[in-house]
Amino acid sequence: MRVKWGETCWFFTEREVHIYSDLPADSPPLLVHCASGDDDLGHHTLTFHQDYSFSFCNIPFTTLFFCNLRWGAKGKSFDAYNARWHGDRCHGDTCKWAAHPDGLYLMAVKQFDWE
């Protein structure tokens, strides 16, 4: 599933966030809820190897999207995109998150354990 707000980023750079389920096929689905201070992107359910993505126009130094992921009894809330650290952690204009049984990874580097 892909969500895009508007068609053109006239003066700003378009960014993209992906959340991928790399959880076992026989496990509960991954529940995803992402939002910014202005936009609630809704609730999404991912099963084995499914991807949810959204794109937006980045306003330098201010854009922040946060997500809450639930997997069975485990969960984690985190900043999925923060304009202040984008260049240090993401590749180009894309941030790729993956949910694994041992935690959450950004660009193949573990960032968080499940809580």
N, C-alpha and C. Protein backbone atom coordinates (compact mmCIF):
# COMPACT_ATOMS: atom_id res chain seq x y z
N MET A 1 0.84 -1.17 0.00
CA MET A 1 0.00 0.00 0.00
C MET A 1 0.89 1.24 0.00
N ARG A 2 0.50 2.26 -0.74
CA ARG A 2 1.28 3.48 -0.84
C ARG A 2 0.35 4.67 -0.63
N VAL A 3 0.79 5.61 0.18
CA VAL A 3 0.03 6.84 0.42
C VAL A 3 0.88 8.00 -0.02
N LYS A 4 0.31 8.89 -0.80
CA LYS A 4 1.06 10.07 -1.22
C LYS A 4 0.17 11.29 -1.03
N TRP A 5 0.71 12.31 -0.42
CA TRP A 5 -0.04 13.53 -0.19
C TRP A 5 0.30 14.53 -1.28
N GLY A 6 -0.63 14.74 -2.22
CA GLY A 6 -0.39 15.68 -3.30
C GLY A 6 0.43 15.03 -4.41
N GLU A 7 0.57 15.73 -5.50
CA GLU A 7 1.28 15.17 -6.64
C GLU A 7 2.66 15.77 -6.85
N THR A 8 2.89 16.97 -6.38
CA THR A 8 4.15 17.64 -6.67
C THR A 8 4.69 18.33 -5.43
N CYS A 9 5.97 18.20 -5.22
CA CYS A 9 6.65 18.93 -4.15
C CYS A 9 7.34 20.12 -4.81
N TRP A 10 6.63 21.20 -4.97
CA TRP A 10 7.13 22.33 -5.75
C TRP A 10 8.47 22.85 -5.26
N PHE A 11 8.58 23.16 -3.99
CA PHE A 11 9.81 23.77 -3.48
C PHE A 11 10.57 22.87 -2.52
N PHE A 12 10.04 21.70 -2.26
CA PHE A 12 10.63 20.80 -1.28
C PHE A 12 10.94 19.45 -1.91
N THR A 13 11.74 18.66 -1.24
CA THR A 13 12.12 17.35 -1.73
C THR A 13 11.11 16.30 -1.30
N GLU A 14 10.75 15.41 -2.24
CA GLU A 14 9.86 14.32 -1.88
C GLU A 14 10.65 13.23 -1.17
N ARG A 15 10.12 12.75 -0.07
CA ARG A 15 10.74 11.67 0.70
C ARG A 15 9.77 10.50 0.73
N GLU A 16 10.32 9.31 0.99
CA GLU A 16 9.50 8.10 1.03
C GLU A 16 9.92 7.25 2.22
N VAL A 17 8.92 6.68 2.90
CA VAL A 17 9.16 5.78 4.02
C VAL A 17 8.50 4.44 3.70
N HIS A 18 9.24 3.36 3.89
CA HIS A 18 8.72 2.00 3.72
C HIS A 18 8.78 1.28 5.05
N ILE A 19 7.76 0.51 5.33
CA ILE A 19 7.75 -0.39 6.49
C ILE A 19 7.44 -1.78 5.95
N TYR A 20 8.35 -2.70 6.18
CA TYR A 20 8.30 -4.03 5.60
C TYR A 20 8.19 -5.07 6.71
N SER A 21 7.33 -6.04 6.52
CA SER A 21 7.19 -7.12 7.49
C SER A 21 8.10 -8.28 7.10
N ASP A 22 9.14 -8.49 7.88
CA ASP A 22 10.01 -9.65 7.70
C ASP A 22 9.81 -10.59 8.89
N LEU A 23 8.55 -10.71 9.27
CA LEU A 23 8.17 -11.58 10.39
C LEU A 23 7.76 -12.95 9.85
N PRO A 24 7.81 -13.98 10.66
CA PRO A 24 7.48 -15.33 10.19
C PRO A 24 6.07 -15.42 9.59
N ALA A 25 5.93 -16.26 8.58
CA ALA A 25 4.66 -16.42 7.88
C ALA A 25 3.55 -16.92 8.80
N ASP A 26 3.89 -17.70 9.80
CA ASP A 26 2.87 -18.28 10.68
C ASP A 26 2.65 -17.46 11.95
N SER A 27 3.10 -16.21 11.96
CA SER A 27 2.96 -15.37 13.16
C SER A 27 1.81 -14.38 12.98
N PRO A 28 1.43 -13.68 14.06
CA PRO A 28 0.38 -12.66 13.94
C PRO A 28 0.80 -11.58 12.93
N PRO A 29 -0.18 -10.87 12.35
CA PRO A 29 0.16 -9.80 11.42
C PRO A 29 0.82 -8.62 12.14
N LEU A 30 1.50 -7.79 11.38
CA LEU A 30 2.10 -6.57 11.89
C LEU A 30 1.08 -5.45 11.73
N LEU A 31 0.74 -4.79 12.82
CA LEU A 31 -0.21 -3.68 12.79
C LEU A 31 0.58 -2.38 12.78
N VAL A 32 0.29 -1.51 11.82
CA VAL A 32 1.05 -0.29 11.60
C VAL A 32 0.12 0.92 11.68
N HIS A 33 0.53 1.92 12.44
CA HIS A 33 -0.18 3.19 12.48
C HIS A 33 0.86 4.30 12.47
N CYS A 34 0.84 5.13 11.42
CA CYS A 34 1.80 6.23 11.29
C CYS A 34 1.06 7.56 11.19
N ALA A 35 1.72 8.61 11.65
CA ALA A 35 1.12 9.94 11.62
C ALA A 35 2.21 10.99 11.72
N SER A 36 1.83 12.21 11.39
CA SER A 36 2.68 13.38 11.66
C SER A 36 1.84 14.32 12.52
N GLY A 37 2.35 15.49 12.79
CA GLY A 37 1.56 16.45 13.54
C GLY A 37 0.34 16.93 12.77
N ASP A 38 0.36 16.76 11.44
CA ASP A 38 -0.72 17.24 10.58
C ASP A 38 -1.57 16.13 9.96
N ASP A 39 -0.99 14.96 9.75
CA ASP A 39 -1.66 13.91 8.99
C ASP A 39 -1.64 12.57 9.73
N ASP A 40 -2.82 11.97 9.85
CA ASP A 40 -2.93 10.61 10.38
C ASP A 40 -3.07 9.69 9.18
N LEU A 41 -2.13 8.78 9.00
CA LEU A 41 -2.12 7.91 7.83
C LEU A 41 -2.96 6.65 8.01
N GLY A 42 -3.60 6.51 9.14
CA GLY A 42 -4.50 5.39 9.36
C GLY A 42 -3.80 4.14 9.83
N HIS A 43 -4.61 3.09 9.99
CA HIS A 43 -4.13 1.80 10.48
C HIS A 43 -4.00 0.84 9.30
N HIS A 44 -2.92 0.07 9.30
CA HIS A 44 -2.65 -0.87 8.21
C HIS A 44 -2.20 -2.20 8.81
N THR A 45 -2.56 -3.28 8.15
CA THR A 45 -2.21 -4.62 8.60
C THR A 45 -1.33 -5.27 7.54
N LEU A 46 -0.13 -5.70 7.97
CA LEU A 46 0.81 -6.35 7.05
C LEU A 46 1.00 -7.80 7.45
N THR A 47 0.98 -8.66 6.47
CA THR A 47 1.30 -10.06 6.70
C THR A 47 2.68 -10.34 6.10
N PHE A 48 3.07 -11.58 6.12
CA PHE A 48 4.39 -12.04 5.68
C PHE A 48 4.85 -11.34 4.39
N HIS A 49 5.96 -10.63 4.48
CA HIS A 49 6.64 -9.96 3.37
C HIS A 49 5.82 -8.87 2.68
N GLN A 50 4.85 -8.31 3.37
CA GLN A 50 4.13 -7.17 2.81
C GLN A 50 4.83 -5.87 3.20
N ASP A 51 4.58 -4.83 2.40
CA ASP A 51 5.22 -3.53 2.56
C ASP A 51 4.14 -2.46 2.59
N TYR A 52 4.31 -1.50 3.47
CA TYR A 52 3.46 -0.30 3.49
C TYR A 52 4.39 0.88 3.28
N SER A 53 4.01 1.80 2.40
CA SER A 53 4.87 2.96 2.18
C SER A 53 4.03 4.22 2.02
N PHE A 54 4.67 5.33 2.31
CA PHE A 54 4.04 6.62 2.10
C PHE A 54 5.11 7.62 1.70
N SER A 55 4.69 8.64 0.97
CA SER A 55 5.63 9.68 0.55
C SER A 55 5.04 11.04 0.90
N PHE A 56 5.91 12.03 0.96
CA PHE A 56 5.49 13.35 1.41
C PHE A 56 6.54 14.36 0.97
N CYS A 57 6.17 15.62 1.01
CA CYS A 57 7.09 16.71 0.72
C CYS A 57 7.78 17.10 2.03
N ASN A 58 9.08 17.00 2.04
CA ASN A 58 9.85 17.30 3.24
C ASN A 58 10.07 18.80 3.38
N ILE A 59 9.63 19.35 4.49
CA ILE A 59 9.94 20.73 4.82
C ILE A 59 11.21 20.68 5.67
N PRO A 60 12.31 21.23 5.17
CA PRO A 60 13.61 21.07 5.85
C PRO A 60 13.56 21.37 7.35
N PHE A 61 14.16 20.46 8.10
CA PHE A 61 14.37 20.58 9.55
C PHE A 61 13.09 20.53 10.38
N THR A 62 11.93 20.28 9.76
CA THR A 62 10.69 20.28 10.54
C THR A 62 9.86 19.01 10.39
N THR A 63 9.98 18.29 9.28
CA THR A 63 9.10 17.15 9.04
C THR A 63 9.41 16.00 9.99
N LEU A 64 8.35 15.45 10.59
CA LEU A 64 8.47 14.31 11.50
C LEU A 64 7.26 13.40 11.31
N PHE A 65 7.51 12.14 11.01
CA PHE A 65 6.48 11.11 11.00
C PHE A 65 6.85 10.07 12.03
N PHE A 66 5.89 9.69 12.84
CA PHE A 66 6.12 8.66 13.86
C PHE A 66 5.17 7.50 13.59
N CYS A 67 5.59 6.31 14.01
CA CYS A 67 4.78 5.12 13.79
C CYS A 67 4.69 4.30 15.07
N ASN A 68 3.60 3.59 15.19
CA ASN A 68 3.41 2.62 16.26
C ASN A 68 3.20 1.27 15.58
N LEU A 69 4.07 0.31 15.87
CA LEU A 69 3.96 -1.04 15.32
C LEU A 69 3.60 -2.00 16.43
N ARG A 70 2.66 -2.90 16.15
CA ARG A 70 2.26 -3.94 17.10
C ARG A 70 2.39 -5.28 16.40
N TRP A 71 2.98 -6.23 17.12
CA TRP A 71 3.12 -7.60 16.62
C TRP A 71 2.78 -8.54 17.76
N GLY A 72 1.57 -9.06 17.75
CA GLY A 72 1.11 -9.87 18.88
C GLY A 72 1.12 -9.02 20.14
N ALA A 73 1.79 -9.50 21.19
CA ALA A 73 1.89 -8.78 22.46
C ALA A 73 3.02 -7.76 22.47
N LYS A 74 3.81 -7.71 21.41
CA LYS A 74 4.96 -6.80 21.35
C LYS A 74 4.60 -5.54 20.58
N GLY A 75 5.31 -4.46 20.87
CA GLY A 75 5.06 -3.22 20.16
C GLY A 75 6.23 -2.28 20.26
N LYS A 76 6.19 -1.22 19.45
CA LYS A 76 7.21 -0.19 19.51
C LYS A 76 6.69 1.06 18.82
N SER A 77 6.86 2.21 19.48
CA SER A 77 6.59 3.52 18.88
C SER A 77 7.93 4.17 18.61
N PHE A 78 8.05 4.83 17.45
CA PHE A 78 9.35 5.39 17.06
C PHE A 78 9.15 6.44 15.97
N ASP A 79 10.17 7.27 15.78
CA ASP A 79 10.17 8.24 14.68
C ASP A 79 10.59 7.50 13.41
N ALA A 80 9.68 7.40 12.46
CA ALA A 80 9.97 6.71 11.20
C ALA A 80 10.72 7.63 10.24
N TYR A 81 10.47 8.94 10.36
CA TYR A 81 11.21 9.93 9.57
C TYR A 81 11.33 11.19 10.39
N ASN A 82 12.53 11.70 10.48
CA ASN A 82 12.79 12.96 11.17
C ASN A 82 13.74 13.75 10.29
N ALA A 83 13.31 14.91 9.83
CA ALA A 83 14.13 15.71 8.91
C ALA A 83 15.49 16.05 9.50
N ARG A 84 15.60 16.05 10.81
CA ARG A 84 16.88 16.40 11.44
C ARG A 84 17.93 15.31 11.32
N TRP A 85 17.51 14.04 11.15
CA TRP A 85 18.51 12.97 11.03
C TRP A 85 18.45 12.22 9.72
N HIS A 86 17.59 12.62 8.82
CA HIS A 86 17.39 11.89 7.56
C HIS A 86 18.69 11.57 6.83
N GLY A 87 19.52 12.56 6.61
CA GLY A 87 20.74 12.36 5.84
C GLY A 87 21.71 11.38 6.46
N ASP A 88 21.67 11.23 7.77
CA ASP A 88 22.59 10.33 8.47
C ASP A 88 22.11 8.89 8.48
N ARG A 89 20.81 8.65 8.34
CA ARG A 89 20.28 7.31 8.55
C ARG A 89 19.60 6.68 7.34
N CYS A 90 19.13 7.47 6.41
CA CYS A 90 18.40 6.93 5.26
C CYS A 90 19.25 7.00 4.01
N HIS A 91 18.80 6.31 2.98
CA HIS A 91 19.54 6.27 1.72
C HIS A 91 18.82 7.13 0.69
N GLY A 92 19.48 8.17 0.22
CA GLY A 92 18.83 9.05 -0.74
C GLY A 92 17.58 9.67 -0.14
N ASP A 93 16.49 9.53 -0.85
CA ASP A 93 15.22 10.10 -0.40
C ASP A 93 14.31 9.06 0.24
N THR A 94 14.87 7.88 0.56
CA THR A 94 14.06 6.77 1.05
C THR A 94 14.55 6.24 2.39
N CYS A 95 13.61 6.03 3.31
CA CYS A 95 13.90 5.36 4.58
C CYS A 95 13.19 4.01 4.56
N LYS A 96 13.95 2.94 4.72
CA LYS A 96 13.38 1.59 4.68
C LYS A 96 13.49 0.93 6.05
N TRP A 97 12.33 0.73 6.67
CA TRP A 97 12.23 0.06 7.95
C TRP A 97 11.79 -1.38 7.73
N ALA A 98 12.29 -2.29 8.55
CA ALA A 98 11.86 -3.69 8.48
C ALA A 98 11.63 -4.20 9.89
N ALA A 99 10.49 -4.88 10.06
CA ALA A 99 10.17 -5.51 11.33
C ALA A 99 10.63 -6.96 11.28
N HIS A 100 11.54 -7.31 12.19
CA HIS A 100 12.07 -8.67 12.31
C HIS A 100 11.65 -9.23 13.67
N PRO A 101 11.73 -10.52 13.87
CA PRO A 101 11.36 -11.09 15.17
C PRO A 101 12.15 -10.51 16.35
N ASP A 102 13.39 -10.05 16.10
CA ASP A 102 14.21 -9.51 17.20
C ASP A 102 14.14 -7.99 17.33
N GLY A 103 13.38 -7.30 16.47
CA GLY A 103 13.27 -5.86 16.60
C GLY A 103 13.08 -5.16 15.27
N LEU A 104 13.30 -3.84 15.28
CA LEU A 104 13.10 -3.00 14.10
C LEU A 104 14.43 -2.54 13.53
N TYR A 105 14.52 -2.59 12.23
CA TYR A 105 15.75 -2.24 11.52
C TYR A 105 15.48 -1.08 10.58
N LEU A 106 16.43 -0.16 10.47
CA LEU A 106 16.40 0.92 9.49
C LEU A 106 17.59 0.72 8.58
N MET A 107 17.33 0.57 7.30
CA MET A 107 18.38 0.37 6.30
C MET A 107 19.30 -0.78 6.72
N ALA A 108 18.69 -1.87 7.18
CA ALA A 108 19.38 -3.12 7.55
C ALA A 108 20.22 -3.02 8.82
N VAL A 109 20.08 -1.95 9.59
CA VAL A 109 20.81 -1.79 10.85
C VAL A 109 19.78 -1.76 11.98
N LYS A 110 19.97 -2.65 12.95
CA LYS A 110 19.01 -2.72 14.05
C LYS A 110 18.99 -1.42 14.84
N GLN A 111 17.76 -0.93 15.07
CA GLN A 111 17.57 0.32 15.80
C GLN A 111 16.88 0.10 17.15
N PHE A 112 15.90 -0.82 17.20
CA PHE A 112 15.09 -0.98 18.39
C PHE A 112 14.76 -2.44 18.64
N ASP A 113 14.65 -2.78 19.92
CA ASP A 113 14.06 -4.05 20.33
C ASP A 113 12.55 -3.84 20.48
N TRP A 114 11.80 -4.91 20.38
CA TRP A 114 10.39 -4.85 20.70
C TRP A 114 10.22 -4.62 22.20
N GLU A 115 9.15 -3.98 22.59
CA GLU A 115 8.84 -3.77 24.01
C GLU A 115 7.67 -4.63 24.41
